[in-house]
Amino acid sequence: MGRRDRDEFVRHFEGGEVLQGLLELAGSPLDAQAAVARLKEGLEQGRSPGEVFPSLFEGEPHFPNPELARKLYQNLFGVWDLLEEGKVVDLRPPQEKAPRVKKPKPVPPKPFHPGEPDEGYVEAAWRYLEDLDERGTERLNHSFENRQDALLGFLDESGLTDDGYGAARHLLFELHAMIELGWPPGLRSVSHSELSSGKSPGPVPGALSAYADEALFEAEQDEEAPLPPAEAARVREAVTRGLSALWSARKA
């Protein structure tokens, strides 16, 4: 940096703490708040900085060195410019940024294999799915789409509205993930015939059935876009058949 760069006078307010310290070093009886108030009063009276600045001191200001004198007047002119522009002079110290807390990685539920999931498992699995980041959710979604193409085709053919299809698909995705997370051997792909046969759906664990019922009830009671009763009944039928097929698709 050359001498010209060092000597350049820059009108810039560096904050209340800096201004307060410089005023004290120069022997001013005013604190930063009182000094700003006096500058504002002088500006409103139509006075110039050269008339107002000396009123901040009793007699001549004194400085340990010329650089601090420069720094004080750079800050005073910075305040003056802000006041002229009608801006607020913020004397508060800059707030320290709170340390960024890294969100803990969600822990998957303990497998229920070789038994059946209970309410505790379903609750833990639901919370795990809720806490997953976008990448983790996308991974499970791809697994669902790639393995259960027949199930998605069955939903397409069920005559559901867009809202009904969305509710059924999301719920079956969650149920697929819950079963897959708790059954390490994995799930096979269900077949279209399993879903479209006239047979009654097979039995499923009560905790999974209860979760599906609660989710469908909430969809019916949604304040913004509730599922009409007739549509809710079709969604319930599709989800019941889909859940039964998924539970039967557990690998040995």
C-alpha atoms as a PDB file:
ATOM      1  CA  MET A   1       0.000   0.000   0.000  1.00  0.00           C
ATOM      2  CA  GLY A   2       1.475   3.356  -0.985  1.00  0.00           C
ATOM      3  CA  ARG A   3       1.522   6.560   1.031  1.00  0.00           C
ATOM      4  CA  ARG A   4      -1.368   8.001  -0.957  1.00  0.00           C
ATOM      5  CA  ASP A   5      -3.582   5.005  -0.018  1.00  0.00           C
ATOM      6  CA  ARG A   6      -2.655   5.324   3.662  1.00  0.00           C
ATOM      7  CA  ASP A   7      -3.393   9.066   3.730  1.00  0.00           C
ATOM      8  CA  GLU A   8      -6.754   8.885   1.994  1.00  0.00           C
ATOM      9  CA  PHE A   9      -9.540  10.205   4.236  1.00  0.00           C
ATOM     10  CA  VAL A  10     -12.535   7.865   4.243  1.00  0.00           C
ATOM     11  CA  ARG A  11     -15.815   9.036   5.777  1.00  0.00           C
ATOM     12  CA  HIS A  12     -16.982   5.860   7.481  1.00  0.00           C
ATOM     13  CA  PHE A  13     -18.819   5.078  10.729  1.00  0.00           C
ATOM     14  CA  GLU A  14     -17.351   1.960  12.345  1.00  0.00           C
ATOM     15  CA  GLY A  15     -19.897   1.480  15.102  1.00  0.00           C
ATOM     16  CA  GLY A  16     -20.775   2.742  18.562  1.00  0.00           C
ATOM     17  CA  GLU A  17     -17.949   1.035  20.413  1.00  0.00           C
ATOM     18  CA  VAL A  18     -15.276   2.479  18.118  1.00  0.00           C
ATOM     19  CA  LEU A  19     -16.767   5.980  18.300  1.00  0.00           C
ATOM     20  CA  GLN A  20     -17.062   5.762  22.092  1.00  0.00           C
ATOM     21  CA  GLY A  21     -13.417   4.783  22.469  1.00  0.00           C
ATOM     22  CA  LEU A  22     -12.181   7.529  20.154  1.00  0.00           C
ATOM     23  CA  LEU A  23     -14.207  10.195  21.951  1.00  0.00           C
ATOM     24  CA  GLU A  24     -12.738   9.081  25.277  1.00  0.00           C
ATOM     25  CA  LEU A  25      -9.200   9.169  23.893  1.00  0.00           C
ATOM     26  CA  ALA A  26      -9.777  12.683  22.571  1.00  0.00           C
ATOM     27  CA  GLY A  27     -11.015  13.895  25.958  1.00  0.00           C
ATOM     28  CA  SER A  28     -14.681  14.450  25.045  1.00  0.00           C
ATOM     29  CA  PRO A  29     -17.114  14.606  27.983  1.00  0.00           C
ATOM     30  CA  LEU A  30     -19.822  13.108  25.737  1.00  0.00           C
ATOM     31  CA  ASP A  31     -20.475   9.466  25.128  1.00  0.00           C
ATOM     32  CA  ALA A  32     -21.282   8.142  21.652  1.00  0.00           C
ATOM     33  CA  GLN A  33     -25.043   8.520  22.084  1.00  0.00           C
ATOM     34  CA  ALA A  34     -24.814  12.131  23.253  1.00  0.00           C
ATOM     35  CA  ALA A  35     -22.335  12.939  20.465  1.00  0.00           C
ATOM     36  CA  VAL A  36     -24.660  11.580  17.778  1.00  0.00           C
ATOM     37  CA  ALA A  37     -27.565  13.526  19.303  1.00  0.00           C
ATOM     38  CA  ARG A  38     -25.511  16.735  19.141  1.00  0.00           C
ATOM     39  CA  LEU A  39     -24.581  16.100  15.493  1.00  0.00           C
ATOM     40  CA  LYS A  40     -28.231  15.487  14.664  1.00  0.00           C
ATOM     41  CA  GLU A  41     -29.272  18.690  16.438  1.00  0.00           C
ATOM     42  CA  GLY A  42     -26.632  20.703  14.569  1.00  0.00           C
ATOM     43  CA  LEU A  43     -27.691  19.233  11.232  1.00  0.00           C
ATOM     44  CA  GLU A  44     -31.323  20.138  11.925  1.00  0.00           C
ATOM     45  CA  GLN A  45     -30.226  23.682  12.733  1.00  0.00           C
ATOM     46  CA  GLY A  46     -28.489  23.951   9.377  1.00  0.00           C
ATOM     47  CA  ARG A  47     -24.995  24.141  10.843  1.00  0.00           C
ATOM     48  CA  SER A  48     -21.907  22.675   9.151  1.00  0.00           C
ATOM     49  CA  PRO A  49     -19.710  19.854  10.497  1.00  0.00           C
ATOM     50  CA  GLY A  50     -16.945  22.375  11.116  1.00  0.00           C
ATOM     51  CA  GLU A  51     -19.269  24.250  13.462  1.00  0.00           C
ATOM     52  CA  VAL A  52     -20.684  21.216  15.266  1.00  0.00           C
ATOM     53  CA  PHE A  53     -17.637  18.966  15.748  1.00  0.00           C
ATOM     54  CA  PRO A  54     -15.771  21.348  18.114  1.00  0.00           C
ATOM     55  CA  SER A  55     -18.837  21.422  20.403  1.00  0.00           C
ATOM     56  CA  LEU A  56     -18.151  17.798  21.275  1.00  0.00           C
ATOM     57  CA  PHE A  57     -15.122  18.885  23.318  1.00  0.00           C
ATOM     58  CA  GLU A  58     -14.321  21.263  26.149  1.00  0.00           C
ATOM     59  CA  GLY A  59     -11.456  23.194  24.661  1.00  0.00           C
ATOM     60  CA  GLU A  60      -9.111  21.566  22.174  1.00  0.00           C
ATOM     61  CA  PRO A  61      -9.318  17.777  21.662  1.00  0.00           C
ATOM     62  CA  HIS A  62      -6.106  15.889  22.308  1.00  0.00           C
ATOM     63  CA  PHE A  63      -4.987  12.668  20.620  1.00  0.00           C
ATOM     64  CA  PRO A  64      -2.163  10.198  21.337  1.00  0.00           C
ATOM     65  CA  ASN A  65      -1.228  10.329  17.640  1.00  0.00           C
ATOM     66  CA  PRO A  66      -2.463  11.811  14.332  1.00  0.00           C
ATOM     67  CA  GLU A  67      -3.812   8.485  13.107  1.00  0.00           C
ATOM     68  CA  LEU A  68      -6.375   8.349  15.941  1.00  0.00           C
ATOM     69  CA  ALA A  69      -7.395  11.918  15.190  1.00  0.00           C
ATOM     70  CA  ARG A  70      -7.979  10.931  11.573  1.00  0.00           C
ATOM     71  CA  LYS A  71      -9.952   7.898  12.684  1.00  0.00           C
ATOM     72  CA  LEU A  72     -12.221   9.945  14.956  1.00  0.00           C
ATOM     73  CA  TYR A  73     -13.081  12.493  12.258  1.00  0.00           C
ATOM     74  CA  GLN A  74     -13.607   9.761   9.688  1.00  0.00           C
ATOM     75  CA  ASN A  75     -16.191   8.275  12.039  1.00  0.00           C
ATOM     76  CA  LEU A  76     -17.787  11.659  12.828  1.00  0.00           C
ATOM     77  CA  PHE A  77     -18.153  12.430   9.128  1.00  0.00           C
ATOM     78  CA  GLY A  78     -19.514   8.932   8.614  1.00  0.00           C
ATOM     79  CA  VAL A  79     -22.198   9.615  11.240  1.00  0.00           C
ATOM     80  CA  TRP A  80     -22.919  13.015   9.662  1.00  0.00           C
ATOM     81  CA  ASP A  81     -23.406  11.430   6.233  1.00  0.00           C
ATOM     82  CA  LEU A  82     -25.815   8.838   7.652  1.00  0.00           C
ATOM     83  CA  LEU A  83     -27.836  11.555   9.386  1.00  0.00           C
ATOM     84  CA  GLU A  84     -27.949  13.639   6.201  1.00  0.00           C
ATOM     85  CA  GLU A  85     -29.330  10.630   4.328  1.00  0.00           C
ATOM     86  CA  GLY A  86     -32.025  10.177   6.980  1.00  0.00           C
ATOM     87  CA  LYS A  87     -30.616   6.836   8.107  1.00  0.00           C
ATOM     88  CA  VAL A  88     -30.550   5.478  11.647  1.00  0.00           C
ATOM     89  CA  VAL A  89     -27.172   5.487  13.370  1.00  0.00           C
ATOM     90  CA  ASP A  90     -27.017   2.148  15.143  1.00  0.00           C
ATOM     91  CA  LEU A  91     -24.770   2.382  18.192  1.00  0.00           C
ATOM     92  CA  ARG A  92     -25.399  -1.153  19.379  1.00  0.00           C
ATOM     93  CA  PRO A  93     -22.424  -3.531  19.311  1.00  0.00           C
ATOM     94  CA  PRO A  94     -22.593  -6.057  16.481  1.00  0.00           C
ATOM     95  CA  GLN A  95     -24.342  -9.214  17.599  1.00  0.00           C
ATOM     96  CA  GLU A  96     -22.200 -12.281  17.644  1.00  0.00           C
ATOM     97  CA  LYS A  97     -23.492 -15.011  15.426  1.00  0.00           C
ATOM     98  CA  ALA A  98     -24.736 -17.965  17.402  1.00  0.00           C
ATOM     99  CA  PRO A  99     -22.579 -21.014  16.804  1.00  0.00           C
ATOM    100  CA  ARG A 100     -24.087 -23.208  14.150  1.00  0.00           C
ATOM    101  CA  VAL A 101     -25.337 -26.354  15.786  1.00  0.00           C
ATOM    102  CA  LYS A 102     -25.029 -29.345  13.538  1.00  0.00           C
ATOM    103  CA  LYS A 103     -28.262 -31.271  13.452  1.00  0.00           C
ATOM    104  CA  PRO A 104     -27.665 -34.811  14.683  1.00  0.00           C
ATOM    105  CA  LYS A 105     -28.073 -37.520  12.107  1.00  0.00           C
ATOM    106  CA  PRO A 106     -31.382 -39.337  12.639  1.00  0.00           C
ATOM    107  CA  VAL A 107     -31.039 -42.850  14.017  1.00  0.00           C
ATOM    108  CA  PRO A 108     -33.126 -45.555  12.307  1.00  0.00           C
ATOM    109  CA  PRO A 109     -35.382 -47.656  14.537  1.00  0.00           C
ATOM    110  CA  LYS A 110     -34.233 -51.061  15.716  1.00  0.00           C
ATOM    111  CA  PRO A 111     -35.553 -53.819  13.402  1.00  0.00           C
ATOM    112  CA  PHE A 112     -38.614 -55.713  14.540  1.00  0.00           C
ATOM    113  CA  HIS A 113     -37.509 -58.810  12.548  1.00  0.00           C
ATOM    114  CA  PRO A 114     -38.366 -61.655  13.009  1.00  0.00           C
ATOM    115  CA  GLY A 115     -41.499 -60.473  14.806  1.00  0.00           C
ATOM    116  CA  GLU A 116     -44.008 -57.706  14.084  1.00  0.00           C
ATOM    117  CA  PRO A 117     -43.822 -53.950  14.609  1.00  0.00           C
ATOM    118  CA  ASP A 118     -45.533 -52.526  17.667  1.00  0.00           C
ATOM    119  CA  GLU A 119     -46.694 -48.953  18.340  1.00  0.00           C
ATOM    120  CA  GLY A 120     -43.271 -47.990  19.710  1.00  0.00           C
ATOM    121  CA  TYR A 121     -41.542 -49.139  16.541  1.00  0.00           C
ATOM    122  CA  VAL A 122     -44.028 -47.323  14.272  1.00  0.00           C
ATOM    123  CA  GLU A 123     -43.585 -44.109  16.278  1.00  0.00           C
ATOM    124  CA  ALA A 124     -39.775 -44.368  16.091  1.00  0.00           C
ATOM    125  CA  ALA A 125     -39.912 -45.138  12.360  1.00  0.00           C
ATOM    126  CA  TRP A 126     -42.231 -42.191  11.709  1.00  0.00           C
ATOM    127  CA  ARG A 127     -39.923 -39.807  13.600  1.00  0.00           C
ATOM    128  CA  TYR A 128     -36.928 -41.163  11.683  1.00  0.00           C
ATOM    129  CA  LEU A 129     -38.659 -40.497   8.364  1.00  0.00           C
ATOM    130  CA  GLU A 130     -39.646 -36.997   9.525  1.00  0.00           C
ATOM    131  CA  ASP A 131     -36.059 -36.150  10.534  1.00  0.00           C
ATOM    132  CA  LEU A 132     -34.400 -37.451   7.362  1.00  0.00           C
ATOM    133  CA  ASP A 133     -32.791 -34.872   5.117  1.00  0.00           C
ATOM    134  CA  GLU A 134     -33.770 -34.512   1.483  1.00  0.00           C
ATOM    135  CA  ARG A 135     -31.088 -36.908   0.323  1.00  0.00           C
ATOM    136  CA  GLY A 136     -32.146 -39.643   2.729  1.00  0.00           C
ATOM    137  CA  THR A 137     -35.830 -39.271   1.837  1.00  0.00           C
ATOM    138  CA  GLU A 138     -34.987 -39.370  -1.856  1.00  0.00           C
ATOM    139  CA  ARG A 139     -33.023 -42.597  -1.370  1.00  0.00           C
ATOM    140  CA  LEU A 140     -36.004 -44.316   0.262  1.00  0.00           C
ATOM    141  CA  ASN A 141     -38.351 -42.913  -2.365  1.00  0.00           C
ATOM    142  CA  HIS A 142     -36.211 -44.334  -5.159  1.00  0.00           C
ATOM    143  CA  SER A 143     -36.229 -47.715  -3.446  1.00  0.00           C
ATOM    144  CA  PHE A 144     -40.027 -47.588  -3.258  1.00  0.00           C
ATOM    145  CA  GLU A 145     -40.469 -46.519  -6.888  1.00  0.00           C
ATOM    146  CA  ASN A 146     -37.941 -48.962  -8.325  1.00  0.00           C
ATOM    147  CA  ARG A 147     -39.158 -52.000  -6.383  1.00  0.00           C
ATOM    148  CA  GLN A 148     -42.902 -51.375  -6.259  1.00  0.00           C
ATOM    149  CA  ASP A 149     -43.713 -50.408  -9.836  1.00  0.00           C
ATOM    150  CA  ALA A 150     -46.773 -52.689  -9.855  1.00  0.00           C
ATOM    151  CA  LEU A 151     -48.128 -50.999  -6.731  1.00  0.00           C
ATOM    152  CA  LEU A 152     -47.794 -47.565  -8.324  1.00  0.00           C
ATOM    153  CA  GLY A 153     -49.474 -48.900 -11.457  1.00  0.00           C
ATOM    154  CA  PHE A 154     -52.315 -50.221  -9.309  1.00  0.00           C
ATOM    155  CA  LEU A 155     -52.780 -46.751  -7.809  1.00  0.00           C
ATOM    156  CA  ASP A 156     -52.828 -45.214 -11.274  1.00  0.00           C
ATOM    157  CA  GLU A 157     -55.674 -47.559 -12.225  1.00  0.00           C
ATOM    158  CA  SER A 158     -57.686 -46.980  -9.054  1.00  0.00           C
ATOM    159  CA  GLY A 159     -59.569 -43.976 -10.417  1.00  0.00           C
ATOM    160  CA  LEU A 160     -58.410 -41.696  -7.605  1.00  0.00           C
ATOM    161  CA  THR A 161     -58.385 -37.917  -7.875  1.00  0.00           C
ATOM    162  CA  ASP A 162     -55.024 -36.146  -7.781  1.00  0.00           C
ATOM    163  CA  ASP A 163     -55.457 -35.435  -4.062  1.00  0.00           C
ATOM    164  CA  GLY A 164     -56.523 -39.002  -3.381  1.00  0.00           C
ATOM    165  CA  TYR A 165     -53.622 -40.442  -5.366  1.00  0.00           C
ATOM    166  CA  GLY A 166     -51.171 -38.176  -3.560  1.00  0.00           C
ATOM    167  CA  ALA A 167     -52.485 -39.218  -0.138  1.00  0.00           C
ATOM    168  CA  ALA A 168     -52.428 -42.936  -1.001  1.00  0.00           C
ATOM    169  CA  ARG A 169     -48.983 -42.815  -2.576  1.00  0.00           C
ATOM    170  CA  HIS A 170     -47.379 -40.924   0.314  1.00  0.00           C
ATOM    171  CA  LEU A 171     -48.920 -43.206   2.918  1.00  0.00           C
ATOM    172  CA  LEU A 172     -47.879 -46.378   1.089  1.00  0.00           C
ATOM    173  CA  PHE A 173     -44.360 -44.950   0.703  1.00  0.00           C
ATOM    174  CA  GLU A 174     -44.176 -44.448   4.481  1.00  0.00           C
ATOM    175  CA  LEU A 175     -45.523 -47.931   5.187  1.00  0.00           C
ATOM    176  CA  HIS A 176     -43.074 -49.464   2.696  1.00  0.00           C
ATOM    177  CA  ALA A 177     -40.195 -47.629   4.386  1.00  0.00           C
ATOM    178  CA  MET A 178     -41.340 -48.693   7.864  1.00  0.00           C
ATOM    179  CA  ILE A 179     -41.484 -52.349   6.892  1.00  0.00           C
ATOM    180  CA  GLU A 180     -38.197 -52.208   4.990  1.00  0.00           C
ATOM    181  CA  LEU A 181     -36.382 -50.483   7.873  1.00  0.00           C
ATOM    182  CA  GLY A 182     -37.521 -53.142  10.328  1.00  0.00           C
ATOM    183  CA  TRP A 183     -37.044 -56.192   8.117  1.00  0.00           C
ATOM    184  CA  PRO A 184     -33.322 -56.532   7.187  1.00  0.00           C
ATOM    185  CA  PRO A 185     -33.893 -59.333   4.618  1.00  0.00           C
ATOM    186  CA  GLY A 186     -35.837 -56.765   2.609  1.00  0.00           C
ATOM    187  CA  LEU A 187     -39.015 -56.789   0.529  1.00  0.00           C
ATOM    188  CA  ARG A 188     -39.675 -58.301  -2.866  1.00  0.00           C
ATOM    189  CA  SER A 189     -41.717 -56.522  -5.503  1.00  0.00           C
ATOM    190  CA  VAL A 190     -45.438 -57.076  -5.178  1.00  0.00           C
ATOM    191  CA  SER A 191     -47.301 -58.283  -8.265  1.00  0.00           C
ATOM    192  CA  HIS A 192     -50.266 -56.646  -9.910  1.00  0.00           C
ATOM    193  CA  SER A 193     -52.328 -59.817  -9.428  1.00  0.00           C
ATOM    194  CA  GLU A 194     -51.839 -59.610  -5.644  1.00  0.00           C
ATOM    195  CA  LEU A 195     -53.403 -56.180  -5.671  1.00  0.00           C
ATOM    196  CA  SER A 196     -56.179 -56.571  -8.205  1.00  0.00           C
ATOM    197  CA  SER A 197     -57.494 -60.007  -7.196  1.00  0.00           C
ATOM    198  CA  GLY A 198     -60.973 -60.195  -5.731  1.00  0.00           C
ATOM    199  CA  LYS A 199     -59.651 -61.759  -2.552  1.00  0.00           C
ATOM    200  CA  SER A 200     -59.946 -59.870   0.706  1.00  0.00           C
ATOM    201  CA  PRO A 201     -56.670 -58.279   1.853  1.00  0.00           C
ATOM    202  CA  GLY A 202     -54.654 -60.446   4.213  1.00  0.00           C
ATOM    203  CA  PRO A 203     -54.006 -59.558   7.869  1.00  0.00           C
ATOM    204  CA  VAL A 204     -51.385 -56.954   8.778  1.00  0.00           C
ATOM    205  CA  PRO A 205     -49.866 -55.880  12.129  1.00  0.00           C
ATOM    206  CA  GLY A 206     -52.253 -53.733  14.146  1.00  0.00           C
ATOM    207  CA  ALA A 207     -49.687 -50.956  14.639  1.00  0.00           C
ATOM    208  CA  LEU A 208     -49.273 -50.449  10.872  1.00  0.00           C
ATOM    209  CA  SER A 209     -53.021 -50.599  10.307  1.00  0.00           C
ATOM    210  CA  ALA A 210     -53.623 -48.056  13.081  1.00  0.00           C
ATOM    211  CA  TYR A 211     -51.013 -45.711  11.604  1.00  0.00           C
ATOM    212  CA  ALA A 212     -52.723 -45.894   8.197  1.00  0.00           C
ATOM    213  CA  ASP A 213     -56.147 -45.268   9.747  1.00  0.00           C
ATOM    214  CA  GLU A 214     -54.903 -42.221  11.654  1.00  0.00           C
ATOM    215  CA  ALA A 215     -53.210 -40.765   8.565  1.00  0.00           C
ATOM    216  CA  LEU A 216     -56.372 -41.227   6.470  1.00  0.00           C
ATOM    217  CA  PHE A 217     -58.508 -39.664   9.209  1.00  0.00           C
ATOM    218  CA  GLU A 218     -56.231 -36.605   9.207  1.00  0.00           C
ATOM    219  CA  ALA A 219     -56.513 -36.402   5.411  1.00  0.00           C
ATOM    220  CA  GLU A 220     -60.313 -36.379   5.728  1.00  0.00           C
ATOM    221  CA  GLN A 221     -60.127 -33.616   8.353  1.00  0.00           C
ATOM    222  CA  ASP A 222     -57.538 -31.467   6.559  1.00  0.00           C
ATOM    223  CA  GLU A 223     -58.528 -27.789   6.812  1.00  0.00           C
ATOM    224  CA  GLU A 224     -57.281 -26.750   3.368  1.00  0.00           C
ATOM    225  CA  ALA A 225     -58.136 -29.744   1.156  1.00  0.00           C
ATOM    226  CA  PRO A 226     -60.092 -32.448   3.017  1.00  0.00           C
ATOM    227  CA  LEU A 227     -60.733 -35.689   1.173  1.00  0.00           C
ATOM    228  CA  PRO A 228     -64.471 -36.094   0.459  1.00  0.00           C
ATOM    229  CA  PRO A 229     -65.994 -39.178   2.116  1.00  0.00           C
ATOM    230  CA  ALA A 230     -66.388 -41.106  -1.158  1.00  0.00           C
ATOM    231  CA  GLU A 231     -62.798 -40.381  -2.189  1.00  0.00           C
ATOM    232  CA  ALA A 232     -61.507 -41.207   1.282  1.00  0.00           C
ATOM    233  CA  ALA A 233     -63.211 -44.601   1.039  1.00  0.00           C
ATOM    234  CA  ARG A 234     -61.458 -45.341  -2.278  1.00  0.00           C
ATOM    235  CA  VAL A 235     -58.115 -44.245  -0.837  1.00  0.00           C
ATOM    236  CA  ARG A 236     -58.664 -46.467   2.213  1.00  0.00           C
ATOM    237  CA  GLU A 237     -59.409 -49.461  -0.009  1.00  0.00           C
ATOM    238  CA  ALA A 238     -56.276 -48.890  -2.118  1.00  0.00           C
ATOM    239  CA  VAL A 239     -54.058 -48.395   0.949  1.00  0.00           C
ATOM    240  CA  THR A 240     -55.490 -51.470   2.699  1.00  0.00           C
ATOM    241  CA  ARG A 241     -54.757 -53.667  -0.321  1.00  0.00           C
ATOM    242  CA  GLY A 242     -51.326 -52.095  -0.807  1.00  0.00           C
ATOM    243  CA  LEU A 243     -50.322 -52.529   2.844  1.00  0.00           C
ATOM    244  CA  SER A 244     -51.455 -56.164   2.845  1.00  0.00           C
ATOM    245  CA  ALA A 245     -49.414 -56.879  -0.278  1.00  0.00           C
ATOM    246  CA  LEU A 246     -46.331 -55.119   1.137  1.00  0.00           C
ATOM    247  CA  TRP A 247     -46.525 -57.059   4.406  1.00  0.00           C
ATOM    248  CA  SER A 248     -46.775 -60.307   2.469  1.00  0.00           C
ATOM    249  CA  ALA A 249     -43.758 -59.288   0.366  1.00  0.00           C
ATOM    250  CA  ARG A 250     -41.257 -59.680   3.219  1.00  0.00           C
ATOM    251  CA  LYS A 251     -38.389 -61.933   2.162  1.00  0.00           C
ATOM    252  CA  ALA A 252     -37.613 -65.014   4.210  1.00  0.00           C
END
